[in-house]
N, C-alpha and C. Protein backbone atom coordinates (compact mmCIF):
# COMPACT_ATOMS: atom_id res chain seq x y z
N MET A 1 -19.22 -1.79 1.47
CA MET A 1 -17.96 -1.25 1.09
C MET A 1 -18.02 -0.93 -0.49
N MET A 2 -17.35 0.08 -0.89
CA MET A 2 -17.31 0.39 -2.25
C MET A 2 -15.83 0.64 -2.71
N SER A 3 -15.63 0.26 -3.99
CA SER A 3 -14.27 0.42 -4.52
C SER A 3 -13.92 1.88 -4.63
N GLU A 4 -12.67 2.22 -4.27
CA GLU A 4 -12.22 3.58 -4.35
C GLU A 4 -11.19 3.78 -5.47
N GLY A 5 -10.54 2.70 -5.81
CA GLY A 5 -9.54 2.81 -6.87
C GLY A 5 -8.49 1.71 -6.93
N SER A 6 -7.60 1.86 -7.85
CA SER A 6 -6.52 0.81 -7.94
C SER A 6 -5.29 1.50 -8.41
N TYR A 7 -4.15 0.81 -8.19
CA TYR A 7 -2.87 1.29 -8.64
C TYR A 7 -2.13 0.11 -9.25
N ASN A 8 -1.32 0.37 -10.18
CA ASN A 8 -0.49 -0.65 -10.88
C ASN A 8 0.97 -0.62 -10.30
N VAL A 9 1.70 -1.66 -10.68
CA VAL A 9 3.07 -1.71 -10.33
C VAL A 9 3.82 -0.45 -10.89
N GLY A 10 4.60 0.19 -10.04
CA GLY A 10 5.36 1.37 -10.44
C GLY A 10 4.63 2.67 -10.21
N ASP A 11 3.34 2.66 -9.90
CA ASP A 11 2.61 3.90 -9.60
C ASP A 11 3.13 4.45 -8.23
N THR A 12 3.14 5.78 -8.15
CA THR A 12 3.58 6.39 -6.92
C THR A 12 2.53 6.19 -5.85
N VAL A 13 2.99 5.92 -4.63
CA VAL A 13 2.13 5.67 -3.49
C VAL A 13 1.75 7.02 -2.88
N PRO A 14 0.41 7.35 -2.76
CA PRO A 14 0.05 8.58 -2.09
C PRO A 14 0.50 8.63 -0.68
N GLU A 15 1.02 9.76 -0.22
CA GLU A 15 1.60 9.90 1.11
C GLU A 15 0.57 9.66 2.18
N ASP A 16 -0.72 9.96 1.88
CA ASP A 16 -1.74 9.79 2.93
C ASP A 16 -2.14 8.32 3.12
N LEU A 17 -1.69 7.43 2.16
CA LEU A 17 -2.01 6.03 2.23
C LEU A 17 -0.90 5.29 2.97
N LEU A 18 0.34 5.46 2.57
CA LEU A 18 1.54 4.82 3.19
C LEU A 18 2.73 5.68 3.13
N GLN A 19 3.59 5.55 4.13
CA GLN A 19 4.88 6.29 4.17
C GLN A 19 5.93 5.36 4.67
N ALA A 20 7.19 5.70 4.33
CA ALA A 20 8.32 4.98 4.90
C ALA A 20 8.44 5.40 6.34
N ALA A 21 8.49 4.43 7.24
CA ALA A 21 8.52 4.74 8.69
C ALA A 21 9.79 5.50 9.05
N GLU A 22 10.93 5.13 8.41
CA GLU A 22 12.21 5.75 8.70
C GLU A 22 12.29 7.24 8.30
N ALA A 23 11.75 7.56 7.17
CA ALA A 23 11.80 8.89 6.66
C ALA A 23 10.63 9.08 5.68
N PRO A 24 9.58 9.81 6.16
CA PRO A 24 8.40 9.98 5.34
C PRO A 24 8.69 10.64 3.99
N SER A 25 9.83 11.23 3.83
CA SER A 25 10.18 11.92 2.56
C SER A 25 10.63 10.93 1.48
N ILE A 26 10.84 9.65 1.82
CA ILE A 26 11.30 8.65 0.83
C ILE A 26 10.05 8.41 -0.10
N GLU A 27 10.28 8.59 -1.35
CA GLU A 27 9.19 8.35 -2.36
C GLU A 27 9.07 6.85 -2.61
N LEU A 28 7.78 6.38 -2.47
CA LEU A 28 7.49 4.95 -2.62
C LEU A 28 6.69 4.73 -3.92
N GLU A 29 6.82 3.52 -4.44
CA GLU A 29 6.01 3.08 -5.59
C GLU A 29 5.46 1.68 -5.24
N PHE A 30 4.36 1.39 -5.92
CA PHE A 30 3.76 0.05 -5.63
C PHE A 30 4.59 -1.04 -6.27
N ALA A 31 4.90 -2.13 -5.56
CA ALA A 31 5.63 -3.26 -6.06
C ALA A 31 4.68 -4.33 -6.63
N VAL A 32 3.43 -4.25 -6.29
CA VAL A 32 2.38 -5.11 -6.79
C VAL A 32 1.17 -4.26 -7.13
N ALA A 33 0.30 -4.71 -8.00
CA ALA A 33 -0.96 -4.01 -8.26
C ALA A 33 -1.84 -4.15 -7.06
N ILE A 34 -2.59 -3.08 -6.69
CA ILE A 34 -3.45 -3.12 -5.54
C ILE A 34 -4.84 -2.48 -5.88
N GLU A 35 -5.80 -2.83 -5.00
CA GLU A 35 -7.07 -2.11 -5.12
C GLU A 35 -7.39 -1.56 -3.74
N ILE A 36 -8.01 -0.45 -3.70
CA ILE A 36 -8.40 0.19 -2.48
C ILE A 36 -9.89 0.18 -2.33
N ILE A 37 -10.40 -0.25 -1.22
CA ILE A 37 -11.81 -0.35 -0.97
C ILE A 37 -12.07 0.62 0.22
N GLU A 38 -13.04 1.51 0.05
CA GLU A 38 -13.40 2.40 1.13
C GLU A 38 -14.42 1.71 2.01
N GLY A 39 -14.08 1.66 3.33
CA GLY A 39 -15.05 1.01 4.26
C GLY A 39 -15.81 2.07 5.02
N TYR A 40 -16.50 1.58 6.01
CA TYR A 40 -17.32 2.45 6.87
C TYR A 40 -16.42 3.45 7.60
N GLY A 41 -16.88 4.67 7.74
CA GLY A 41 -16.16 5.67 8.39
C GLY A 41 -14.97 6.24 7.65
N GLY A 42 -14.91 5.93 6.41
CA GLY A 42 -13.77 6.40 5.56
C GLY A 42 -12.48 5.61 5.64
N THR A 43 -12.51 4.45 6.33
CA THR A 43 -11.35 3.60 6.40
C THR A 43 -10.98 3.07 5.02
N GLN A 44 -9.67 3.15 4.63
CA GLN A 44 -9.23 2.63 3.36
C GLN A 44 -8.64 1.23 3.57
N HIS A 45 -9.06 0.26 2.82
CA HIS A 45 -8.61 -1.10 2.91
C HIS A 45 -7.77 -1.34 1.64
N VAL A 46 -6.48 -1.66 1.81
CA VAL A 46 -5.55 -1.82 0.69
C VAL A 46 -5.27 -3.26 0.49
N TYR A 47 -5.75 -3.81 -0.67
CA TYR A 47 -5.64 -5.23 -0.96
C TYR A 47 -4.69 -5.39 -2.23
N PRO A 48 -3.72 -6.33 -2.09
CA PRO A 48 -2.90 -6.65 -3.25
C PRO A 48 -3.76 -7.51 -4.21
N LEU A 49 -3.42 -7.50 -5.53
CA LEU A 49 -4.07 -8.37 -6.46
C LEU A 49 -3.39 -9.74 -6.52
N GLU A 50 -2.26 -9.90 -5.84
CA GLU A 50 -1.57 -11.18 -5.67
C GLU A 50 -1.09 -11.32 -4.19
N ILE A 51 -0.92 -12.51 -3.76
CA ILE A 51 -0.51 -12.69 -2.35
C ILE A 51 0.92 -12.23 -2.16
N VAL A 52 1.12 -11.49 -1.04
CA VAL A 52 2.45 -11.07 -0.61
C VAL A 52 2.69 -11.56 0.80
N GLU A 53 3.91 -11.67 1.26
CA GLU A 53 4.21 -12.21 2.55
C GLU A 53 4.04 -11.20 3.66
N ASP A 54 4.30 -9.92 3.35
CA ASP A 54 4.38 -8.94 4.43
C ASP A 54 3.84 -7.62 3.81
N PRO A 55 3.23 -6.70 4.67
CA PRO A 55 2.77 -5.47 4.10
C PRO A 55 3.83 -4.64 3.45
N GLU A 56 5.10 -4.76 3.89
CA GLU A 56 6.17 -4.05 3.25
C GLU A 56 6.40 -4.49 1.83
N ASP A 57 5.90 -5.69 1.50
CA ASP A 57 6.07 -6.13 0.10
C ASP A 57 5.14 -5.46 -0.88
N LEU A 58 4.19 -4.68 -0.37
CA LEU A 58 3.28 -3.93 -1.25
C LEU A 58 3.97 -2.80 -1.98
N VAL A 59 5.07 -2.27 -1.38
CA VAL A 59 5.73 -1.08 -1.95
C VAL A 59 7.20 -1.28 -1.98
N THR A 60 7.84 -0.40 -2.75
CA THR A 60 9.31 -0.37 -2.80
C THR A 60 9.72 1.12 -2.95
N PRO A 61 10.89 1.45 -2.42
CA PRO A 61 11.31 2.87 -2.63
C PRO A 61 11.65 3.12 -4.08
N ARG A 62 11.32 4.26 -4.57
CA ARG A 62 11.67 4.61 -5.94
C ARG A 62 13.15 4.65 -6.21
N ASN A 63 13.87 5.02 -5.18
CA ASN A 63 15.34 5.01 -5.24
C ASN A 63 15.85 3.75 -4.48
N ALA A 64 16.41 2.78 -5.21
CA ALA A 64 16.81 1.50 -4.64
C ALA A 64 17.78 1.71 -3.41
N ALA A 65 18.51 2.78 -3.41
CA ALA A 65 19.49 2.98 -2.29
C ALA A 65 18.77 3.14 -0.93
N ASP A 66 17.43 3.44 -0.96
CA ASP A 66 16.69 3.64 0.26
C ASP A 66 16.19 2.27 0.81
N ALA A 67 16.33 1.19 0.08
CA ALA A 67 15.82 -0.11 0.52
C ALA A 67 16.77 -0.76 1.54
N PRO A 68 16.29 -1.62 2.41
CA PRO A 68 14.91 -1.96 2.63
C PRO A 68 14.21 -0.93 3.52
N ILE A 69 12.91 -0.95 3.59
CA ILE A 69 12.19 -0.01 4.36
C ILE A 69 11.06 -0.73 5.20
N ASP A 70 10.62 -0.05 6.20
CA ASP A 70 9.38 -0.38 6.91
C ASP A 70 8.33 0.63 6.54
N VAL A 71 7.12 0.16 6.35
CA VAL A 71 6.06 1.11 5.93
C VAL A 71 5.13 1.36 7.11
N GLU A 72 4.59 2.54 7.09
CA GLU A 72 3.65 3.00 8.13
C GLU A 72 2.35 3.39 7.39
N PRO A 73 1.27 2.70 7.67
CA PRO A 73 -0.01 3.08 7.03
C PRO A 73 -0.48 4.47 7.51
N GLY A 74 -1.21 5.15 6.65
CA GLY A 74 -1.82 6.44 7.02
C GLY A 74 -2.93 6.15 8.02
N ASP A 75 -3.49 7.27 8.55
CA ASP A 75 -4.64 7.12 9.43
C ASP A 75 -5.75 6.54 8.74
N ASP A 76 -6.47 5.61 9.41
CA ASP A 76 -7.65 4.93 8.87
C ASP A 76 -7.30 4.15 7.62
N THR A 77 -6.12 3.53 7.59
CA THR A 77 -5.74 2.69 6.44
C THR A 77 -5.37 1.29 6.98
N ASN A 78 -5.93 0.27 6.44
CA ASN A 78 -5.62 -1.11 6.78
C ASN A 78 -4.97 -1.76 5.56
N LEU A 79 -3.87 -2.52 5.86
CA LEU A 79 -3.12 -3.21 4.80
C LEU A 79 -3.39 -4.69 4.88
N TYR A 80 -3.50 -5.32 3.75
CA TYR A 80 -3.73 -6.77 3.67
C TYR A 80 -2.64 -7.40 2.81
N THR A 81 -2.49 -8.67 2.99
CA THR A 81 -1.42 -9.38 2.23
C THR A 81 -1.99 -10.44 1.23
N VAL A 82 -3.34 -10.53 1.25
CA VAL A 82 -3.99 -11.43 0.24
C VAL A 82 -5.09 -10.64 -0.48
N PRO A 83 -5.42 -11.04 -1.69
CA PRO A 83 -6.49 -10.34 -2.48
C PRO A 83 -7.80 -10.48 -1.71
N ARG A 84 -8.63 -9.46 -1.86
CA ARG A 84 -9.90 -9.45 -1.17
C ARG A 84 -10.76 -10.63 -1.54
N ASP A 85 -10.76 -11.09 -2.75
CA ASP A 85 -11.62 -12.22 -3.15
C ASP A 85 -11.19 -13.53 -2.56
N LEU A 86 -9.97 -13.55 -1.90
CA LEU A 86 -9.55 -14.77 -1.28
C LEU A 86 -9.87 -14.85 0.21
N LEU A 87 -10.34 -13.76 0.74
CA LEU A 87 -10.68 -13.71 2.18
C LEU A 87 -12.06 -14.30 2.48
């Protein structure tokens, strides 16, 4: 596996990575810093840099009126709730 990139708190979430399940048009931002590791076959593994309880805790809607939300990962995207180095 090789590192593909990272995002900081407040960065916009790419639509191909995650979307709001209720309305894909809701703009999301990262609630925690994350790193993305590209796996075999192009699968993207999204790891937080701190432990979160639920995959939905990785992101937050940019407009607070849209909260709370359920997230839907993009095709070939796996979400994790613990940092990669703790697995």
